[in-house]
């Protein structure tokens, strides 16, 4: 899977100068206990994947995933509650 850690990734500033570490704002992402993330999924920054949630392979997670739920797709949408 891929975790995206910047909401607005850019290589240059508005004036065309190269960005430095000071120009980046890293945003946390949380994966709670028992969560499972399928291969080739992309997780955008700032979201929480709840306890025992399942993210389907190849999904793009743009919003929080509730605990005990199953999400999949692009963008990821709820499929059902996990019986776990």
PDB file of N, CA and C in Angstrom:
ATOM      1  N   UNK A   1       0.834  -1.164   0.000  1.00  0.00           N
ATOM      2  CA  UNK A   1       0.000   0.000   0.000  1.00  0.00           C
ATOM      3  C   UNK A   1       0.883   1.232   0.000  1.00  0.00           C
ATOM      4  N   UNK A   2       0.244   2.372  -0.282  1.00  0.00           N
ATOM      5  CA  UNK A   2       0.961   3.648  -0.299  1.00  0.00           C
ATOM      6  C   UNK A   2       0.259   4.608   0.641  1.00  0.00           C
ATOM      7  N   UNK A   3       1.035   5.233   1.506  1.00  0.00           N
ATOM      8  CA  UNK A   3       0.506   6.267   2.381  1.00  0.00           C
ATOM      9  C   UNK A   3       0.939   7.623   1.837  1.00  0.00           C
ATOM     10  N   UNK A   4      -0.012   8.509   1.610  1.00  0.00           N
ATOM     11  CA  UNK A   4       0.277   9.860   1.161  1.00  0.00           C
ATOM     12  C   UNK A   4       0.349  10.733   2.408  1.00  0.00           C
ATOM     13  N   UNK A   5       1.424  11.511   2.591  1.00  0.00           N
ATOM     14  CA  UNK A   5       1.591  12.254   3.841  1.00  0.00           C
ATOM     15  C   UNK A   5       1.496  13.774   3.672  1.00  0.00           C
ATOM     16  N   UNK A   6       1.111  14.238   2.498  1.00  0.00           N
ATOM     17  CA  UNK A   6       1.003  15.677   2.251  1.00  0.00           C
ATOM     18  C   UNK A   6      -0.228  15.916   1.392  1.00  0.00           C
ATOM     19  N   UNK A   7      -1.148  16.773   1.843  1.00  0.00           N
ATOM     20  CA  UNK A   7      -2.385  17.017   1.103  1.00  0.00           C
ATOM     21  C   UNK A   7      -2.149  17.720  -0.227  1.00  0.00           C
ATOM     22  N   UNK A   8      -1.109  18.539  -0.309  1.00  0.00           N
ATOM     23  CA  UNK A   8      -0.849  19.318  -1.515  1.00  0.00           C
ATOM     24  C   UNK A   8       0.608  19.169  -1.937  1.00  0.00           C
ATOM     25  N   UNK A   9       1.009  17.982  -2.394  1.00  0.00           N
ATOM     26  CA  UNK A   9       2.414  17.768  -2.737  1.00  0.00           C
ATOM     27  C   UNK A   9       2.812  18.568  -3.983  1.00  0.00           C
ATOM     28  N   UNK A  10       3.863  19.314  -3.852  1.00  0.00           N
ATOM     29  CA  UNK A  10       4.397  20.107  -4.957  1.00  0.00           C
ATOM     30  C   UNK A  10       5.921  20.077  -4.870  1.00  0.00           C
ATOM     31  N   UNK A  11       6.586  20.176  -5.994  1.00  0.00           N
ATOM     32  CA  UNK A  11       8.043  20.223  -6.012  1.00  0.00           C
ATOM     33  C   UNK A  11       8.552  21.655  -5.979  1.00  0.00           C
ATOM     34  N   UNK A  12       7.681  22.595  -6.404  1.00  0.00           N
ATOM     35  CA  UNK A  12       8.119  23.993  -6.461  1.00  0.00           C
ATOM     36  C   UNK A  12       7.120  24.901  -5.751  1.00  0.00           C
ATOM     37  N   UNK A  13       7.605  26.071  -5.359  1.00  0.00           N
ATOM     38  CA  UNK A  13       6.754  27.104  -4.782  1.00  0.00           C
ATOM     39  C   UNK A  13       6.110  27.919  -5.904  1.00  0.00           C
ATOM     40  N   UNK A  14       5.196  28.795  -5.555  1.00  0.00           N
ATOM     41  CA  UNK A  14       4.501  29.633  -6.527  1.00  0.00           C
ATOM     42  C   UNK A  14       5.487  30.450  -7.370  1.00  0.00           C
ATOM     43  N   UNK A  15       6.584  30.876  -6.756  1.00  0.00           N
ATOM     44  CA  UNK A  15       7.566  31.695  -7.481  1.00  0.00           C
ATOM     45  C   UNK A  15       8.519  30.858  -8.343  1.00  0.00           C
ATOM     46  N   UNK A  16       8.323  29.537  -8.363  1.00  0.00           N
ATOM     47  CA  UNK A  16       9.152  28.651  -9.180  1.00  0.00           C
ATOM     48  C   UNK A  16      10.361  28.088  -8.460  1.00  0.00           C
ATOM     49  N   UNK A  17      10.651  28.543  -7.245  1.00  0.00           N
ATOM     50  CA  UNK A  17      11.785  28.012  -6.486  1.00  0.00           C
ATOM     51  C   UNK A  17      11.462  26.615  -5.969  1.00  0.00           C
ATOM     52  N   UNK A  18      12.513  25.812  -5.805  1.00  0.00           N
ATOM     53  CA  UNK A  18      12.342  24.451  -5.298  1.00  0.00           C
ATOM     54  C   UNK A  18      11.884  24.485  -3.840  1.00  0.00           C
ATOM     55  N   UNK A  19      10.983  23.596  -3.491  1.00  0.00           N
ATOM     56  CA  UNK A  19      10.549  23.511  -2.101  1.00  0.00           C
ATOM     57  C   UNK A  19      11.630  22.858  -1.247  1.00  0.00           C
ATOM     58  N   UNK A  20      11.615  23.204   0.032  1.00  0.00           N
ATOM     59  CA  UNK A  20      12.517  22.610   1.009  1.00  0.00           C
ATOM     60  C   UNK A  20      11.664  21.950   2.082  1.00  0.00           C
ATOM     61  N   UNK A  21      12.294  21.352   3.076  1.00  0.00           N
ATOM     62  CA  UNK A  21      11.552  20.723   4.182  1.00  0.00           C
ATOM     63  C   UNK A  21      10.606  21.705   4.858  1.00  0.00           C
ATOM     64  N   UNK A  22      10.995  22.961   4.930  1.00  0.00           N
ATOM     65  CA  UNK A  22      10.168  23.971   5.593  1.00  0.00           C
ATOM     66  C   UNK A  22       8.863  24.249   4.856  1.00  0.00           C
ATOM     67  N   UNK A  23       8.781  23.869   3.572  1.00  0.00           N
ATOM     68  CA  UNK A  23       7.588  24.129   2.771  1.00  0.00           C
ATOM     69  C   UNK A  23       6.550  23.009   2.860  1.00  0.00           C
ATOM     70  N   UNK A  24       6.895  21.886   3.484  1.00  0.00           N
ATOM     71  CA  UNK A  24       6.015  20.732   3.528  1.00  0.00           C
ATOM     72  C   UNK A  24       5.319  20.638   4.877  1.00  0.00           C
ATOM     73  N   UNK A  25       4.079  20.257   4.862  1.00  0.00           N
ATOM     74  CA  UNK A  25       3.350  19.994   6.097  1.00  0.00           C
ATOM     75  C   UNK A  25       2.927  18.526   6.084  1.00  0.00           C
ATOM     76  N   UNK A  26       3.499  17.745   6.963  1.00  0.00           N
ATOM     77  CA  UNK A  26       3.178  16.324   7.054  1.00  0.00           C
ATOM     78  C   UNK A  26       1.904  16.172   7.885  1.00  0.00           C
ATOM     79  N   UNK A  27       0.954  15.394   7.371  1.00  0.00           N
ATOM     80  CA  UNK A  27      -0.325  15.169   8.033  1.00  0.00           C
ATOM     81  C   UNK A  27      -0.397  13.702   8.465  1.00  0.00           C
ATOM     82  N   UNK A  28      -0.726  13.469   9.726  1.00  0.00           N
ATOM     83  CA  UNK A  28      -0.765  12.103  10.262  1.00  0.00           C
ATOM     84  C   UNK A  28      -1.943  11.300   9.720  1.00  0.00           C
ATOM     85  N   UNK A  29      -1.730   9.999   9.638  1.00  0.00           N
ATOM     86  CA  UNK A  29      -2.755   9.022   9.292  1.00  0.00           C
ATOM     87  C   UNK A  29      -2.718   7.958  10.375  1.00  0.00           C
ATOM     88  N   UNK A  30      -3.887   7.471  10.768  1.00  0.00           N
ATOM     89  CA  UNK A  30      -3.958   6.480  11.845  1.00  0.00           C
ATOM     90  C   UNK A  30      -4.561   5.184  11.329  1.00  0.00           C
ATOM     91  N   UNK A  31      -3.905   4.080  11.646  1.00  0.00           N
ATOM     92  CA  UNK A  31      -4.424   2.738  11.357  1.00  0.00           C
ATOM     93  C   UNK A  31      -4.576   2.059  12.711  1.00  0.00           C
ATOM     94  N   UNK A  32      -5.814   1.794  13.083  1.00  0.00           N
ATOM     95  CA  UNK A  32      -6.104   1.256  14.411  1.00  0.00           C
ATOM     96  C   UNK A  32      -5.900  -0.266  14.464  1.00  0.00           C
ATOM     97  N   UNK A  33      -5.866  -0.770  15.677  1.00  0.00           N
ATOM     98  CA  UNK A  33      -5.603  -2.188  15.962  1.00  0.00           C
ATOM     99  C   UNK A  33      -6.547  -3.097  15.170  1.00  0.00           C
ATOM    100  N   UNK A  34      -5.965  -4.113  14.551  1.00  0.00           N
ATOM    101  CA  UNK A  34      -6.736  -5.133  13.857  1.00  0.00           C
ATOM    102  C   UNK A  34      -7.175  -4.750  12.452  1.00  0.00           C
ATOM    103  N   UNK A  35      -6.853  -3.535  11.995  1.00  0.00           N
ATOM    104  CA  UNK A  35      -7.241  -3.120  10.644  1.00  0.00           C
ATOM    105  C   UNK A  35      -6.382  -3.849   9.615  1.00  0.00           C
ATOM    106  N   UNK A  36      -6.961  -4.070   8.443  1.00  0.00           N
ATOM    107  CA  UNK A  36      -6.264  -4.757   7.366  1.00  0.00           C
ATOM    108  C   UNK A  36      -6.387  -3.921   6.099  1.00  0.00           C
ATOM    109  N   UNK A  37      -5.260  -3.690   5.435  1.00  0.00           N
ATOM    110  CA  UNK A  37      -5.240  -2.873   4.224  1.00  0.00           C
ATOM    111  C   UNK A  37      -4.753  -3.736   3.070  1.00  0.00           C
ATOM    112  N   UNK A  38      -5.581  -3.821   2.023  1.00  0.00           N
ATOM    113  CA  UNK A  38      -5.256  -4.646   0.865  1.00  0.00           C
ATOM    114  C   UNK A  38      -4.118  -4.084   0.036  1.00  0.00           C
ATOM    115  N   UNK A  39      -3.471  -4.956  -0.729  1.00  0.00           N
ATOM    116  CA  UNK A  39      -2.335  -4.550  -1.557  1.00  0.00           C
ATOM    117  C   UNK A  39      -2.758  -3.522  -2.608  1.00  0.00           C
ATOM    118  N   UNK A  40      -1.825  -2.678  -2.953  1.00  0.00           N
ATOM    119  CA  UNK A  40      -1.997  -1.607  -3.948  1.00  0.00           C
ATOM    120  C   UNK A  40      -3.019  -0.552  -3.554  1.00  0.00           C
ATOM    121  N   UNK A  41      -3.385  -0.498  -2.285  1.00  0.00           N
ATOM    122  CA  UNK A  41      -4.286   0.559  -1.813  1.00  0.00           C
ATOM    123  C   UNK A  41      -3.491   1.839  -1.612  1.00  0.00           C
ATOM    124  N   UNK A  42      -4.167   2.968  -1.774  1.00  0.00           N
ATOM    125  CA  UNK A  42      -3.574   4.274  -1.504  1.00  0.00           C
ATOM    126  C   UNK A  42      -4.378   4.918  -0.390  1.00  0.00           C
ATOM    127  N   UNK A  43      -3.692   5.336   0.663  1.00  0.00           N
ATOM    128  CA  UNK A  43      -4.332   5.936   1.824  1.00  0.00           C
ATOM    129  C   UNK A  43      -3.922   7.404   1.880  1.00  0.00           C
ATOM    130  N   UNK A  44      -4.883   8.307   1.689  1.00  0.00           N
ATOM    131  CA  UNK A  44      -4.568   9.727   1.768  1.00  0.00           C
ATOM    132  C   UNK A  44      -4.340  10.136   3.206  1.00  0.00           C
ATOM    133  N   UNK A  45      -3.593  11.206   3.397  1.00  0.00           N
ATOM    134  CA  UNK A  45      -3.251  11.643   4.746  1.00  0.00           C
ATOM    135  C   UNK A  45      -4.468  12.224   5.463  1.00  0.00           C
ATOM    136  N   UNK A  46      -4.387  12.194   6.784  1.00  0.00           N
ATOM    137  CA  UNK A  46      -5.430  12.789   7.613  1.00  0.00           C
ATOM    138  C   UNK A  46      -6.603  11.890   7.908  1.00  0.00           C
ATOM    139  N   UNK A  47      -6.582  10.657   7.430  1.00  0.00           N
ATOM    140  CA  UNK A  47      -7.709   9.756   7.697  1.00  0.00           C
ATOM    141  C   UNK A  47      -7.349   8.781   8.806  1.00  0.00           C
ATOM    142  N   UNK A  48      -8.400   8.195   9.377  1.00  0.00           N
ATOM    143  CA  UNK A  48      -8.244   7.133  10.376  1.00  0.00           C
ATOM    144  C   UNK A  48      -8.916   5.894   9.834  1.00  0.00           C
ATOM    145  N   UNK A  49      -8.212   4.778   9.875  1.00  0.00           N
ATOM    146  CA  UNK A  49      -8.795   3.486   9.532  1.00  0.00           C
ATOM    147  C   UNK A  49      -9.083   2.814  10.857  1.00  0.00           C
ATOM    148  N   UNK A  50     -10.363   2.621  11.140  1.00  0.00           N
ATOM    149  CA  UNK A  50     -10.808   2.153  12.443  1.00  0.00           C
ATOM    150  C   UNK A  50     -10.427   0.725  12.772  1.00  0.00           C
ATOM    151  N   UNK A  51     -10.585   0.378  14.054  1.00  0.00           N
ATOM    152  CA  UNK A  51     -10.265  -0.966  14.530  1.00  0.00           C
ATOM    153  C   UNK A  51     -11.027  -2.013  13.737  1.00  0.00           C
ATOM    154  N   UNK A  52     -10.326  -3.069  13.367  1.00  0.00           N
ATOM    155  CA  UNK A  52     -10.877  -4.238  12.669  1.00  0.00           C
ATOM    156  C   UNK A  52     -11.505  -3.910  11.314  1.00  0.00           C
ATOM    157  N   UNK A  53     -11.215  -2.743  10.758  1.00  0.00           N
ATOM    158  CA  UNK A  53     -11.726  -2.400   9.435  1.00  0.00           C
ATOM    159  C   UNK A  53     -10.899  -3.112   8.373  1.00  0.00           C
ATOM    160  N   UNK A  54     -11.510  -3.299   7.196  1.00  0.00           N
ATOM    161  CA  UNK A  54     -10.828  -3.927   6.074  1.00  0.00           C
ATOM    162  C   UNK A  54     -10.930  -2.978   4.880  1.00  0.00           C
ATOM    163  N   UNK A  55      -9.781  -2.722   4.254  1.00  0.00           N
ATOM    164  CA  UNK A  55      -9.727  -1.913   3.038  1.00  0.00           C
ATOM    165  C   UNK A  55      -9.397  -2.854   1.890  1.00  0.00           C
ATOM    166  N   UNK A  56     -10.268  -2.912   0.886  1.00  0.00           N
ATOM    167  CA  UNK A  56     -10.082  -3.807  -0.252  1.00  0.00           C
ATOM    168  C   UNK A  56      -8.866  -3.438  -1.082  1.00  0.00           C
ATOM    169  N   UNK A  57      -8.276  -4.415  -1.734  1.00  0.00           N
ATOM    170  CA  UNK A  57      -7.104  -4.211  -2.574  1.00  0.00           C
ATOM    171  C   UNK A  57      -7.398  -3.185  -3.664  1.00  0.00           C
ATOM    172  N   UNK A  58      -6.440  -2.305  -3.907  1.00  0.00           N
ATOM    173  CA  UNK A  58      -6.557  -1.316  -4.965  1.00  0.00           C
ATOM    174  C   UNK A  58      -7.424  -0.120  -4.635  1.00  0.00           C
ATOM    175  N   UNK A  59      -7.908  -0.030  -3.408  1.00  0.00           N
ATOM    176  CA  UNK A  59      -8.794   1.065  -3.020  1.00  0.00           C
ATOM    177  C   UNK A  59      -8.016   2.359  -2.822  1.00  0.00           C
ATOM    178  N   UNK A  60      -8.727   3.483  -2.946  1.00  0.00           N
ATOM    179  CA  UNK A  60      -8.160   4.789  -2.631  1.00  0.00           C
ATOM    180  C   UNK A  60      -8.990   5.350  -1.488  1.00  0.00           C
ATOM    181  N   UNK A  61      -8.392   5.424  -0.294  1.00  0.00           N
ATOM    182  CA  UNK A  61      -9.103   5.863   0.900  1.00  0.00           C
ATOM    183  C   UNK A  61      -8.933   7.375   1.049  1.00  0.00           C
ATOM    184  N   UNK A  62     -10.048   8.106   0.934  1.00  0.00           N
ATOM    185  CA  UNK A  62     -10.027   9.564   1.021  1.00  0.00           C
ATOM    186  C   UNK A  62     -10.713  10.085   2.269  1.00  0.00           C
ATOM    187  N   UNK A  63     -11.436   9.198   2.968  1.00  0.00           N
ATOM    188  CA  UNK A  63     -12.185   9.586   4.174  1.00  0.00           C
ATOM    189  C   UNK A  63     -11.961   8.548   5.253  1.00  0.00           C
ATOM    190  N   UNK A  64     -12.314   8.898   6.486  1.00  0.00           N
ATOM    191  CA  UNK A  64     -12.190   7.958   7.603  1.00  0.00           C
ATOM    192  C   UNK A  64     -12.956   6.680   7.317  1.00  0.00           C
ATOM    193  N   UNK A  65     -12.392   5.563   7.770  1.00  0.00           N
ATOM    194  CA  UNK A  65     -13.039   4.258   7.655  1.00  0.00           C
ATOM    195  C   UNK A  65     -13.518   3.877   9.049  1.00  0.00           C
ATOM    196  N   UNK A  66     -14.833   3.711   9.242  1.00  0.00           N
ATOM    197  CA  UNK A  66     -15.347   3.383  10.574  1.00  0.00           C
ATOM    198  C   UNK A  66     -14.836   2.030  11.073  1.00  0.00           C
ATOM    199  N   UNK A  67     -14.770   1.865  12.386  1.00  0.00           N
ATOM    200  CA  UNK A  67     -14.380   0.566  12.948  1.00  0.00           C
ATOM    201  C   UNK A  67     -15.314  -0.536  12.433  1.00  0.00           C
ATOM    202  N   UNK A  68     -14.767  -1.722  12.283  1.00  0.00           N
ATOM    203  CA  UNK A  68     -15.539  -2.919  11.918  1.00  0.00           C
ATOM    204  C   UNK A  68     -16.272  -2.789  10.595  1.00  0.00           C
ATOM    205  N   UNK A  69     -15.742  -2.009   9.669  1.00  0.00           N
ATOM    206  CA  UNK A  69     -16.395  -1.886   8.368  1.00  0.00           C
ATOM    207  C   UNK A  69     -15.467  -2.372   7.270  1.00  0.00           C
ATOM    208  N   UNK A  70     -16.054  -2.637   6.113  1.00  0.00           N
ATOM    209  CA  UNK A  70     -15.305  -3.060   4.934  1.00  0.00           C
ATOM    210  C   UNK A  70     -15.543  -2.010   3.861  1.00  0.00           C
ATOM    211  N   UNK A  71     -14.450  -1.474   3.305  1.00  0.00           N
ATOM    212  CA  UNK A  71     -14.555  -0.478   2.240  1.00  0.00           C
ATOM    213  C   UNK A  71     -13.737  -0.939   1.048  1.00  0.00           C
ATOM    214  N   UNK A  72     -14.143  -0.481  -0.146  1.00  0.00           N
ATOM    215  CA  UNK A  72     -13.395  -0.803  -1.357  1.00  0.00           C
ATOM    216  C   UNK A  72     -13.796   0.173  -2.451  1.00  0.00           C
ATOM    217  N   UNK A  73     -12.923   0.284  -3.442  1.00  0.00           N
ATOM    218  CA  UNK A  73     -13.222   1.099  -4.610  1.00  0.00           C
ATOM    219  C   UNK A  73     -12.378   2.354  -4.692  1.00  0.00           C
ATOM    220  N   UNK A  74     -12.663   3.125  -5.753  1.00  0.00           N
ATOM    221  CA  UNK A  74     -11.955   4.378  -6.022  1.00  0.00           C
ATOM    222  C   UNK A  74     -12.996   5.454  -6.271  1.00  0.00           C
ATOM    223  N   UNK A  75     -13.267   6.302  -5.289  1.00  0.00           N
ATOM    224  CA  UNK A  75     -12.742   6.271  -3.927  1.00  0.00           C
ATOM    225  C   UNK A  75     -13.403   5.150  -3.120  1.00  0.00           C
ATOM    226  N   UNK A  76     -12.773   4.769  -2.027  1.00  0.00           N
ATOM    227  CA  UNK A  76     -13.294   3.682  -1.190  1.00  0.00           C
ATOM    228  C   UNK A  76     -14.644   4.067  -0.595  1.00  0.00           C
ATOM    229  N   UNK A  77     -15.590   3.147  -0.693  1.00  0.00           N
ATOM    230  CA  UNK A  77     -16.932   3.335  -0.132  1.00  0.00           C
ATOM    231  C   UNK A  77     -17.283   2.125   0.714  1.00  0.00           C
ATOM    232  N   UNK A  78     -18.130   2.341   1.734  1.00  0.00           N
ATOM    233  CA  UNK A  78     -18.510   1.220   2.599  1.00  0.00           C
ATOM    234  C   UNK A  78     -19.241   0.123   1.827  1.00  0.00           C
ATOM    235  N   UNK A  79     -18.866  -1.119   2.092  1.00  0.00           N
ATOM    236  CA  UNK A  79     -19.555  -2.271   1.509  1.00  0.00           C
ATOM    237  C   UNK A  79     -20.478  -2.915   2.531  1.00  0.00           C
ATOM    238  N   UNK A  80     -19.948  -3.138   3.734  1.00  0.00           N
ATOM    239  CA  UNK A  80     -20.752  -3.715   4.817  1.00  0.00           C
ATOM    240  C   UNK A  80     -19.974  -3.634   6.109  1.00  0.00           C
ATOM    241  N   UNK A  81     -20.637  -4.012   7.185  1.00  0.00           N
ATOM    242  CA  UNK A  81     -19.986  -4.101   8.481  1.00  0.00           C
ATOM    243  C   UNK A  81     -19.245  -5.414   8.558  1.00  0.00           C
ATOM    244  N   UNK A  82     -18.079  -5.390   9.160  1.00  0.00           N
ATOM    245  CA  UNK A  82     -17.276  -6.574   9.386  1.00  0.00           C
ATOM    246  C   UNK A  82     -17.852  -7.296  10.598  1.00  0.00           C
ATOM    247  N   UNK A  83     -18.074  -8.582  10.501  1.00  0.00           N
ATOM    248  CA  UNK A  83     -18.663  -9.339  11.619  1.00  0.00           C
ATOM    249  C   UNK A  83     -17.663  -9.580  12.741  1.00  0.00           C
ATOM    250  N   UNK A  84     -16.436  -9.144  12.558  1.00  0.00           N
ATOM    251  CA  UNK A  84     -15.391  -9.363  13.553  1.00  0.00           C
ATOM    252  C   UNK A  84     -15.585  -8.499  14.760  1.00  0.00           C
TER     253      UNK A  84
END
